[in-house]
């Protein structure tokens, strides 16, 4: 019996040291987020002067769960509060043409859908947003 006891203790210590060795191995897994900045330049720049366009599909004085029947078949619904109303949007892009296509798609289910613009996380006047967008787009050519 004494022989089994010492044998089990070293066996327990060996696996305990292996996870400690694996923990540093997870640090290279942090390289996965390095691919995300390539996918998220507009979101990172959103804090600067980049304009983000979204499609507003519903506004309500009450909170509506995003898994509600109201949003059935619609993915990535987000909300924000403005003037005491909860406003629900879909899409998030710096490309006005792209958001225009999404607005047309959403109009089938949400005829009242329209495009909204955000800068530095704050909603902005769509006319000003379009003017800035067109100036930016023309200067890139």
C-alpha atoms as a PDB file:
ATOM      1  CA  UNK A   1       0.000   0.000   0.000  1.00  0.00           C
ATOM      2  CA  UNK A   2       2.817   2.382   0.738  1.00  0.00           C
ATOM      3  CA  UNK A   3       4.144   1.807  -2.775  1.00  0.00           C
ATOM      4  CA  UNK A   4       0.843   2.984  -4.344  1.00  0.00           C
ATOM      5  CA  UNK A   5       0.664   6.157  -2.349  1.00  0.00           C
ATOM      6  CA  UNK A   6       3.993   7.601  -3.512  1.00  0.00           C
ATOM      7  CA  UNK A   7       3.246   6.500  -7.081  1.00  0.00           C
ATOM      8  CA  UNK A   8      -0.060   8.362  -7.192  1.00  0.00           C
ATOM      9  CA  UNK A   9       1.352  11.568  -5.772  1.00  0.00           C
ATOM     10  CA  UNK A  10       4.006  12.031  -8.470  1.00  0.00           C
ATOM     11  CA  UNK A  11       1.409  11.121 -11.092  1.00  0.00           C
ATOM     12  CA  UNK A  12      -0.811  13.895  -9.764  1.00  0.00           C
ATOM     13  CA  UNK A  13       2.043  16.396  -9.804  1.00  0.00           C
ATOM     14  CA  UNK A  14       3.013  15.604 -13.384  1.00  0.00           C
ATOM     15  CA  UNK A  15      -0.387  16.537 -14.860  1.00  0.00           C
ATOM     16  CA  UNK A  16      -0.463  19.612 -12.642  1.00  0.00           C
ATOM     17  CA  UNK A  17       2.819  20.792 -14.155  1.00  0.00           C
ATOM     18  CA  UNK A  18       1.618  20.136 -17.698  1.00  0.00           C
ATOM     19  CA  UNK A  19      -1.293  22.600 -17.525  1.00  0.00           C
ATOM     20  CA  UNK A  20       1.157  25.153 -16.148  1.00  0.00           C
ATOM     21  CA  UNK A  21       3.218  24.564 -19.285  1.00  0.00           C
ATOM     22  CA  UNK A  22       0.089  24.867 -21.465  1.00  0.00           C
ATOM     23  CA  UNK A  23      -0.913  28.177 -19.910  1.00  0.00           C
ATOM     24  CA  UNK A  24       1.965  30.051 -21.578  1.00  0.00           C
ATOM     25  CA  UNK A  25       1.057  28.251 -24.796  1.00  0.00           C
ATOM     26  CA  UNK A  26      -2.287  30.089 -24.755  1.00  0.00           C
ATOM     27  CA  UNK A  27      -0.513  33.427 -25.117  1.00  0.00           C
ATOM     28  CA  UNK A  28       0.170  32.802 -28.814  1.00  0.00           C
ATOM     29  CA  UNK A  29      -3.590  32.351 -29.149  1.00  0.00           C
ATOM     30  CA  UNK A  30      -3.770  36.083 -28.466  1.00  0.00           C
ATOM     31  CA  UNK A  31      -2.596  36.485 -32.048  1.00  0.00           C
ATOM     32  CA  UNK A  32      -6.163  35.736 -33.158  1.00  0.00           C
ATOM     33  CA  UNK A  33      -7.318  39.234 -32.150  1.00  0.00           C
ATOM     34  CA  UNK A  34      -4.565  40.575 -34.380  1.00  0.00           C
ATOM     35  CA  UNK A  35      -6.760  39.617 -37.324  1.00  0.00           C
ATOM     36  CA  UNK A  36      -9.693  41.527 -35.890  1.00  0.00           C
ATOM     37  CA  UNK A  37      -8.219  45.010 -36.399  1.00  0.00           C
ATOM     38  CA  UNK A  38      -8.122  44.254 -40.115  1.00  0.00           C
ATOM     39  CA  UNK A  39     -11.848  43.497 -39.955  1.00  0.00           C
ATOM     40  CA  UNK A  40     -12.726  46.435 -37.708  1.00  0.00           C
ATOM     41  CA  UNK A  41     -10.996  49.506 -39.069  1.00  0.00           C
ATOM     42  CA  UNK A  42     -14.245  51.429 -39.300  1.00  0.00           C
ATOM     43  CA  UNK A  43     -15.161  50.565 -35.720  1.00  0.00           C
ATOM     44  CA  UNK A  44     -11.762  51.604 -34.426  1.00  0.00           C
ATOM     45  CA  UNK A  45     -11.947  54.803 -36.453  1.00  0.00           C
ATOM     46  CA  UNK A  46     -15.507  55.393 -35.256  1.00  0.00           C
ATOM     47  CA  UNK A  47     -13.949  57.172 -32.280  1.00  0.00           C
ATOM     48  CA  UNK A  48     -12.265  59.566 -34.695  1.00  0.00           C
ATOM     49  CA  UNK A  49     -14.100  61.289 -37.510  1.00  0.00           C
ATOM     50  CA  UNK A  50     -15.427  58.323 -39.490  1.00  0.00           C
ATOM     51  CA  UNK A  51     -19.128  58.253 -40.214  1.00  0.00           C
ATOM     52  CA  UNK A  52     -21.002  55.013 -39.560  1.00  0.00           C
ATOM     53  CA  UNK A  53     -24.273  54.409 -41.378  1.00  0.00           C
ATOM     54  CA  UNK A  54     -27.026  52.145 -40.012  1.00  0.00           C
ATOM     55  CA  UNK A  55     -30.637  51.377 -40.921  1.00  0.00           C
ATOM     56  CA  UNK A  56     -33.179  52.292 -38.269  1.00  0.00           C
ATOM     57  CA  UNK A  57     -36.070  49.827 -38.442  1.00  0.00           C
ATOM     58  CA  UNK A  58     -38.126  50.450 -35.297  1.00  0.00           C
ATOM     59  CA  UNK A  59     -38.528  53.078 -32.583  1.00  0.00           C
ATOM     60  CA  UNK A  60     -40.457  52.470 -29.387  1.00  0.00           C
ATOM     61  CA  UNK A  61     -41.100  54.120 -26.063  1.00  0.00           C
ATOM     62  CA  UNK A  62     -40.664  50.650 -24.514  1.00  0.00           C
ATOM     63  CA  UNK A  63     -37.727  48.277 -24.652  1.00  0.00           C
ATOM     64  CA  UNK A  64     -38.287  45.409 -27.140  1.00  0.00           C
ATOM     65  CA  UNK A  65     -36.142  42.288 -26.728  1.00  0.00           C
ATOM     66  CA  UNK A  66     -34.066  41.753 -29.863  1.00  0.00           C
ATOM     67  CA  UNK A  67     -35.285  38.138 -29.977  1.00  0.00           C
ATOM     68  CA  UNK A  68     -38.897  39.379 -30.132  1.00  0.00           C
ATOM     69  CA  UNK A  69     -41.217  38.418 -32.997  1.00  0.00           C
ATOM     70  CA  UNK A  70     -40.897  42.020 -34.165  1.00  0.00           C
ATOM     71  CA  UNK A  71     -37.340  41.281 -35.295  1.00  0.00           C
ATOM     72  CA  UNK A  72     -37.930  37.713 -36.492  1.00  0.00           C
ATOM     73  CA  UNK A  73     -35.603  36.909 -39.380  1.00  0.00           C
ATOM     74  CA  UNK A  74     -33.429  39.967 -38.757  1.00  0.00           C
ATOM     75  CA  UNK A  75     -29.894  39.487 -37.482  1.00  0.00           C
ATOM     76  CA  UNK A  76     -27.598  41.768 -35.516  1.00  0.00           C
ATOM     77  CA  UNK A  77     -30.253  44.143 -34.212  1.00  0.00           C
ATOM     78  CA  UNK A  78     -28.783  46.882 -32.036  1.00  0.00           C
ATOM     79  CA  UNK A  79     -30.481  49.591 -30.025  1.00  0.00           C
ATOM     80  CA  UNK A  80     -29.763  53.034 -28.672  1.00  0.00           C
ATOM     81  CA  UNK A  81     -31.834  55.575 -26.754  1.00  0.00           C
ATOM     82  CA  UNK A  82     -32.555  59.004 -28.191  1.00  0.00           C
ATOM     83  CA  UNK A  83     -35.051  61.571 -26.853  1.00  0.00           C
ATOM     84  CA  UNK A  84     -36.650  58.995 -24.552  1.00  0.00           C
ATOM     85  CA  UNK A  85     -37.208  56.510 -27.382  1.00  0.00           C
ATOM     86  CA  UNK A  86     -35.472  53.182 -27.879  1.00  0.00           C
ATOM     87  CA  UNK A  87     -34.374  52.991 -31.503  1.00  0.00           C
ATOM     88  CA  UNK A  88     -33.441  49.743 -33.212  1.00  0.00           C
ATOM     89  CA  UNK A  89     -30.940  49.512 -36.046  1.00  0.00           C
ATOM     90  CA  UNK A  90     -29.322  46.937 -38.302  1.00  0.00           C
ATOM     91  CA  UNK A  91     -26.156  47.163 -40.329  1.00  0.00           C
ATOM     92  CA  UNK A  92     -23.019  49.113 -39.577  1.00  0.00           C
ATOM     93  CA  UNK A  93     -20.853  50.405 -42.390  1.00  0.00           C
ATOM     94  CA  UNK A  94     -18.915  53.400 -43.615  1.00  0.00           C
ATOM     95  CA  UNK A  95     -20.254  52.811 -47.153  1.00  0.00           C
ATOM     96  CA  UNK A  96     -23.470  54.711 -47.897  1.00  0.00           C
ATOM     97  CA  UNK A  97     -24.176  52.637 -51.023  1.00  0.00           C
ATOM     98  CA  UNK A  98     -23.962  49.429 -49.001  1.00  0.00           C
ATOM     99  CA  UNK A  99     -26.328  50.726 -46.322  1.00  0.00           C
ATOM    100  CA  UNK A 100     -28.730  51.884 -49.055  1.00  0.00           C
ATOM    101  CA  UNK A 101     -28.999  48.299 -50.305  1.00  0.00           C
ATOM    102  CA  UNK A 102     -29.664  47.061 -46.777  1.00  0.00           C
ATOM    103  CA  UNK A 103     -32.342  49.730 -46.312  1.00  0.00           C
ATOM    104  CA  UNK A 104     -34.139  48.449 -49.417  1.00  0.00           C
ATOM    105  CA  UNK A 105     -33.993  44.896 -48.052  1.00  0.00           C
ATOM    106  CA  UNK A 106     -35.335  45.989 -44.662  1.00  0.00           C
ATOM    107  CA  UNK A 107     -38.145  48.055 -46.235  1.00  0.00           C
ATOM    108  CA  UNK A 108     -39.935  44.842 -47.203  1.00  0.00           C
ATOM    109  CA  UNK A 109     -40.547  44.036 -43.532  1.00  0.00           C
ATOM    110  CA  UNK A 110     -40.126  47.534 -42.077  1.00  0.00           C
ATOM    111  CA  UNK A 111     -41.588  50.070 -44.548  1.00  0.00           C
ATOM    112  CA  UNK A 112     -40.686  52.911 -42.174  1.00  0.00           C
ATOM    113  CA  UNK A 113     -36.949  51.973 -42.284  1.00  0.00           C
ATOM    114  CA  UNK A 114     -34.486  54.774 -42.960  1.00  0.00           C
ATOM    115  CA  UNK A 115     -30.766  55.460 -42.830  1.00  0.00           C
ATOM    116  CA  UNK A 116     -29.143  57.081 -39.808  1.00  0.00           C
ATOM    117  CA  UNK A 117     -25.568  58.250 -39.340  1.00  0.00           C
ATOM    118  CA  UNK A 118     -23.242  58.251 -36.347  1.00  0.00           C
ATOM    119  CA  UNK A 119     -19.962  60.018 -35.716  1.00  0.00           C
ATOM    120  CA  UNK A 120     -17.904  59.507 -32.571  1.00  0.00           C
ATOM    121  CA  UNK A 121     -20.711  57.281 -31.302  1.00  0.00           C
ATOM    122  CA  UNK A 122     -23.282  60.092 -31.523  1.00  0.00           C
ATOM    123  CA  UNK A 123     -26.109  60.319 -34.007  1.00  0.00           C
ATOM    124  CA  UNK A 124     -25.636  63.109 -36.519  1.00  0.00           C
ATOM    125  CA  UNK A 125     -27.724  64.870 -39.139  1.00  0.00           C
ATOM    126  CA  UNK A 126     -27.947  62.671 -42.240  1.00  0.00           C
ATOM    127  CA  UNK A 127     -27.521  65.644 -44.608  1.00  0.00           C
ATOM    128  CA  UNK A 128     -24.236  66.599 -42.952  1.00  0.00           C
ATOM    129  CA  UNK A 129     -23.158  62.964 -42.930  1.00  0.00           C
ATOM    130  CA  UNK A 130     -23.830  62.596 -46.654  1.00  0.00           C
ATOM    131  CA  UNK A 131     -21.948  65.798 -47.419  1.00  0.00           C
ATOM    132  CA  UNK A 132     -18.920  64.609 -45.425  1.00  0.00           C
ATOM    133  CA  UNK A 133     -19.162  61.136 -46.952  1.00  0.00           C
ATOM    134  CA  UNK A 134     -19.238  62.496 -50.504  1.00  0.00           C
ATOM    135  CA  UNK A 135     -16.335  64.883 -49.826  1.00  0.00           C
ATOM    136  CA  UNK A 136     -14.306  62.046 -48.364  1.00  0.00           C
ATOM    137  CA  UNK A 137     -15.174  59.710 -51.228  1.00  0.00           C
ATOM    138  CA  UNK A 138     -14.300  62.344 -53.871  1.00  0.00           C
ATOM    139  CA  UNK A 139     -10.982  63.167 -52.192  1.00  0.00           C
ATOM    140  CA  UNK A 140      -9.951  59.510 -52.199  1.00  0.00           C
ATOM    141  CA  UNK A 141     -10.034  59.366 -56.015  1.00  0.00           C
END
